[in-house]
Amino acid sequence: MLVRLKEILAHEHELREDIRKWALAATGNCSSIAAELLHEFAKPEGTVMNLEEKFERWGKELSEQSRQEGRQEGLQEGRQETLQRAMQRLLAKRFGALKPVTLKRIQSSTPEQLEIWLDNIVDAKTLDQVFRQVH
C-alpha cells in the first residue's frame, strides 16, 4: 500500500499537500516527525520497510508524549482540586457556611490565586479580606 501511495504522490501535488496537512495533524503538529514522513515519501529509494519501521517508531514516540502530557495535566488538576478543598474547609471553619458565589469563585480560580488566598486566611478578619490580592 505504501509503495502505491508513493507512486501516486509522485504525480499528484495537491494530494501530496493534503498528506502533508494530514501528517502534521496526525503527529500532533510535531513538525519533525511530519517532515521526516514527508521526506521519506519524496525519496525514490525509500522502502516500504523504512516507512513501516518509522510509522511504528513515530507511534511509540507520540504515544509516550501523550502519556507524559496526560500525567502532567492530571497532576495539575489534582493540585488545583486539593487547593480548592483546602480553601473551602479553612474558610468554612473560620467564617462559617460559604455562599454559592464564594464556592463558585474558589472553583473558578487558578492554583496561583488559591495560594495567595490561602496565605491571606491567616491574617484575615473577614471573608472579604481573604480575597484581597496582596498577601
Protein backbone atom coordinates (compact mmCIF):
# COMPACT_ATOMS: atom_id res chain seq x y z
CA MET A 1 0.00 0.00 0.00
CA LEU A 2 2.79 2.42 0.86
CA VAL A 3 4.55 1.70 -2.44
CA ARG A 4 1.37 2.55 -4.34
CA LEU A 5 0.91 5.70 -2.30
CA LYS A 6 4.45 6.82 -3.15
CA GLU A 7 3.75 6.26 -6.84
CA ILE A 8 0.57 8.31 -6.70
CA LEU A 9 2.21 11.12 -4.73
CA ALA A 10 5.00 11.46 -7.28
CA HIS A 11 2.50 12.99 -9.70
CA GLU A 12 -0.27 14.38 -7.51
CA HIS A 13 0.94 17.63 -5.95
CA GLU A 14 -2.44 18.56 -4.44
CA LEU A 15 -2.74 15.15 -2.83
CA ARG A 16 0.82 15.46 -1.53
CA GLU A 17 -0.18 18.76 0.12
CA ASP A 18 -3.23 17.07 1.66
CA ILE A 19 -0.96 14.33 3.01
CA ARG A 20 1.39 16.97 4.44
CA LYS A 21 -1.53 18.56 6.29
CA TRP A 22 -2.68 15.15 7.47
CA ALA A 23 0.84 14.26 8.65
CA LEU A 24 1.01 17.43 10.71
CA ALA A 25 -2.41 16.77 12.22
CA ALA A 26 -1.74 13.08 12.81
CA THR A 27 1.53 13.82 14.58
CA GLY A 28 0.01 16.46 16.80
CA ASN A 29 1.75 19.16 14.79
CA CYS A 30 5.06 17.56 15.65
CA SER A 31 6.78 19.03 12.64
CA SER A 32 9.95 16.94 12.95
CA ILE A 33 8.03 13.67 12.59
CA ALA A 34 5.79 15.07 9.86
CA ALA A 35 8.82 16.39 7.97
CA GLU A 36 10.54 13.02 8.26
CA LEU A 37 7.42 11.28 6.98
CA LEU A 38 7.12 13.60 4.01
CA HIS A 39 10.83 13.34 3.25
CA GLU A 40 10.56 9.56 3.20
CA PHE A 41 7.67 9.71 0.73
CA ALA A 42 9.68 12.02 -1.51
CA LYS A 43 12.74 9.77 -1.66
CA PRO A 44 12.65 7.43 -4.64
CA GLU A 45 14.90 4.97 -2.82
CA GLY A 46 12.71 4.93 0.28
CA THR A 47 11.45 1.46 1.01
CA VAL A 48 8.17 0.29 2.42
CA MET A 49 10.12 -1.32 5.27
CA ASN A 50 11.68 2.03 6.18
CA LEU A 51 8.26 3.63 6.28
CA GLU A 52 6.72 0.81 8.32
CA GLU A 53 9.57 1.00 10.84
CA LYS A 54 9.24 4.77 11.03
CA PHE A 55 5.47 4.61 11.48
CA GLU A 56 5.98 2.19 14.35
CA ARG A 57 8.64 4.39 15.96
CA TRP A 58 6.56 7.54 15.49
CA GLY A 59 3.56 5.84 17.01
CA LYS A 60 5.59 4.94 20.09
CA GLU A 61 7.03 8.45 20.36
CA LEU A 62 3.64 10.10 20.05
CA SER A 63 2.08 7.66 22.48
CA GLU A 64 4.77 8.38 25.08
CA GLN A 65 4.42 12.12 24.52
CA SER A 66 0.66 11.84 25.03
CA ARG A 67 1.13 9.82 28.22
CA GLN A 68 3.53 12.41 29.62
CA GLU A 69 1.19 15.27 28.78
CA GLY A 70 -1.71 13.39 30.36
CA ARG A 71 0.26 12.74 33.55
CA GLN A 72 1.24 16.41 33.78
CA GLU A 73 -2.35 17.56 33.26
CA GLY A 74 -3.54 15.09 35.89
CA LEU A 75 -1.00 16.36 38.41
CA GLN A 76 -2.02 19.97 37.77
CA GLU A 77 -5.72 19.17 38.11
CA GLY A 78 -5.07 17.23 41.31
CA ARG A 79 -3.10 20.13 42.77
CA GLN A 80 -5.87 22.58 41.92
CA GLU A 81 -8.57 20.35 43.42
CA THR A 82 -6.51 19.93 46.61
CA LEU A 83 -6.07 23.70 46.94
CA GLN A 84 -9.78 24.26 46.33
CA ARG A 85 -10.78 21.74 49.00
CA ALA A 86 -8.30 23.22 51.49
CA MET A 87 -9.60 26.72 50.79
CA GLN A 88 -13.23 25.67 51.25
CA ARG A 89 -12.51 23.80 54.51
CA LEU A 90 -10.46 26.59 56.06
CA LEU A 91 -12.93 29.30 55.08
CA ALA A 92 -15.90 27.30 56.39
CA LYS A 93 -14.09 26.60 59.67
CA ARG A 94 -13.08 30.23 60.08
CA PHE A 95 -16.13 32.09 58.74
CA GLY A 96 -18.97 29.55 58.71
CA ALA A 97 -21.02 28.22 55.81
CA LEU A 98 -19.93 29.54 52.44
CA LYS A 99 -22.31 31.17 49.98
CA PRO A 100 -22.62 29.70 46.46
CA VAL A 101 -20.93 32.79 44.99
CA THR A 102 -17.87 32.16 47.18
CA LEU A 103 -17.77 28.49 46.24
CA LYS A 104 -18.00 29.42 42.55
CA ARG A 105 -15.17 31.92 42.96
CA ILE A 106 -12.96 29.26 44.51
CA GLN A 107 -13.84 26.69 41.84
CA SER A 108 -13.01 29.07 39.00
CA SER A 109 -9.68 30.27 40.42
CA THR A 110 -6.17 29.34 39.37
CA PRO A 111 -3.82 27.45 41.69
CA GLU A 112 -1.69 30.59 42.00
CA GLN A 113 -4.68 32.66 43.10
CA LEU A 114 -5.75 30.00 45.56
CA GLU A 115 -2.29 30.01 47.14
CA ILE A 116 -2.50 33.77 47.66
CA TRP A 117 -5.92 33.45 49.26
CA LEU A 118 -4.78 30.58 51.47
CA ASP A 119 -1.97 32.79 52.74
CA ASN A 120 -4.47 35.59 53.35
CA ILE A 121 -6.64 33.38 55.58
CA VAL A 122 -4.03 33.58 58.33
CA ASP A 123 -4.44 37.33 58.89
CA ALA A 124 -7.93 38.00 57.52
CA LYS A 125 -10.59 39.15 59.91
CA THR A 126 -13.33 38.99 57.29
CA LEU A 127 -14.08 36.91 54.24
CA ASP A 128 -13.54 39.96 52.02
CA GLN A 129 -10.01 40.34 53.37
CA VAL A 130 -9.20 36.78 52.30
CA PHE A 131 -9.91 37.64 48.70
CA ARG A 132 -7.71 40.70 48.51
CA GLN A 133 -4.86 40.32 46.03
CA VAL A 134 -1.80 41.02 48.20
CA HIS A 135 -0.56 38.59 50.80
